[in-house]
Amino acid sequence: MRTRLINRNLLTPILLVLLFVAAGSVSGQIHEGALYQITARHSGKCLEVDGGVSAFNNGALVVQRECNNLSNQQWTLNSVDGANVYKITAKHSNKVLDVFGGVFSGADQVIVEQWDWNRSQNQMWKINPLGNGFFSIIAMHSGKALDIRGALRDDGAQAQQYTFAYGANQEWMLTEIPVCASDDSLISTFTGRAELRTTHPNAPGPFFASIRLSTKFSECRTALTISDFAPVRVSFNTPLGPNTLSLTVAEQGIGSFNSSTGRIAIPVTFNLSNTILFFGNSRLPLVLATQDVGDMVSRTTGRATVRGTGTFVGGALNGFQATLVLTGTFSPIPR
């Protein structure tokens, strides 16, 4: 009996090695350049860049939040500098997962953020299979794991690096987001009305204008961009004389569309110019989104309402808020 126990003990490490090999290398399970959702095991919530799809800035924090299929929760994995080592890039911003402070940040609890890719090892991550479909994600410069602080389950709980201890808040599921087998893009025209309100006490308004814009739905109709936005112009009298305000698209990010719910979210920065030079020009960054069930794109009529609130930068409106509401109908219906 004793001999049989000894033999079993000798076999244990061999069996463990065989099980690890049978699991396969991570490169055999991860598809280079594919799009992934990264989910924390302890909370079931998705890793995201905080601030939504308009968070393009270096240093935007990385947190967990309820999975919502927006592009700031979608990541591509591209191998760099050796087996199982990847840069992890946010789809919406094209910035990578980065440990704050650079290659000398070796301590526990250092925050994780997004930053421009610079090939530093604090932007490189070794992805190791743990079994049952979960992985550890280890920073190359420090050997510490991607971790949700305090194992919190709340939305907005912060990502950090921490010594790996097989905690469920250090274990991640990588779910590949399917792509279309063929181009399923759609150009749809949105026709309706725009309403712009500002908090400036002396500004006239609200302003109303008819709109007609072209939108492109792509990537299985999950991504959304504005392909053509005709300038919106409103004329009104001021103490300095008649003025015409023009609203145009200055820049935009890749928006998202959920065909099953009809939900839309798209980051856009508008430019507001005035014919009276004294008022100057302003920029208005915001996210246009369907916020209520009644706002969603209708399956039968294509009608939808998107709205967003932002703060003006520059010009006489600098520092004041504005709300833009677009109400209209998509044709053809993107669902």
Foldseek 3Di string as FASTA:
>chain_A
DVVVVVVVVVCVVVVVVVVQVVVPFVPVVADAFFKWWKAQQLQRWTWFQPPFLQPQDWPGFIATAHDDLKQRRIWGWHDDDDGQKTWIARRFHRWTWFFPPFLPPQDWPGFIHTHHDDPGQRRIWRWGDPDPQKTWTARRSHRWTFFFPPSDNDGPGTTHTHHDDPDSRRIIHIGGDDFDPDKPKDKKKWWFKKWKDWPPPPDDDRDMFTWIWIKMQTRLSFKIDTPGTDWTWDWDADPVGIKIKIKDWPDWTIKGADPVQQKIKTWTKIKIQMPPCQQPIKIWTWIWIQDDSVQGQDPVWQWHKTKIKTAIPDGNRHGIMMMMMTTGGIPPRSD
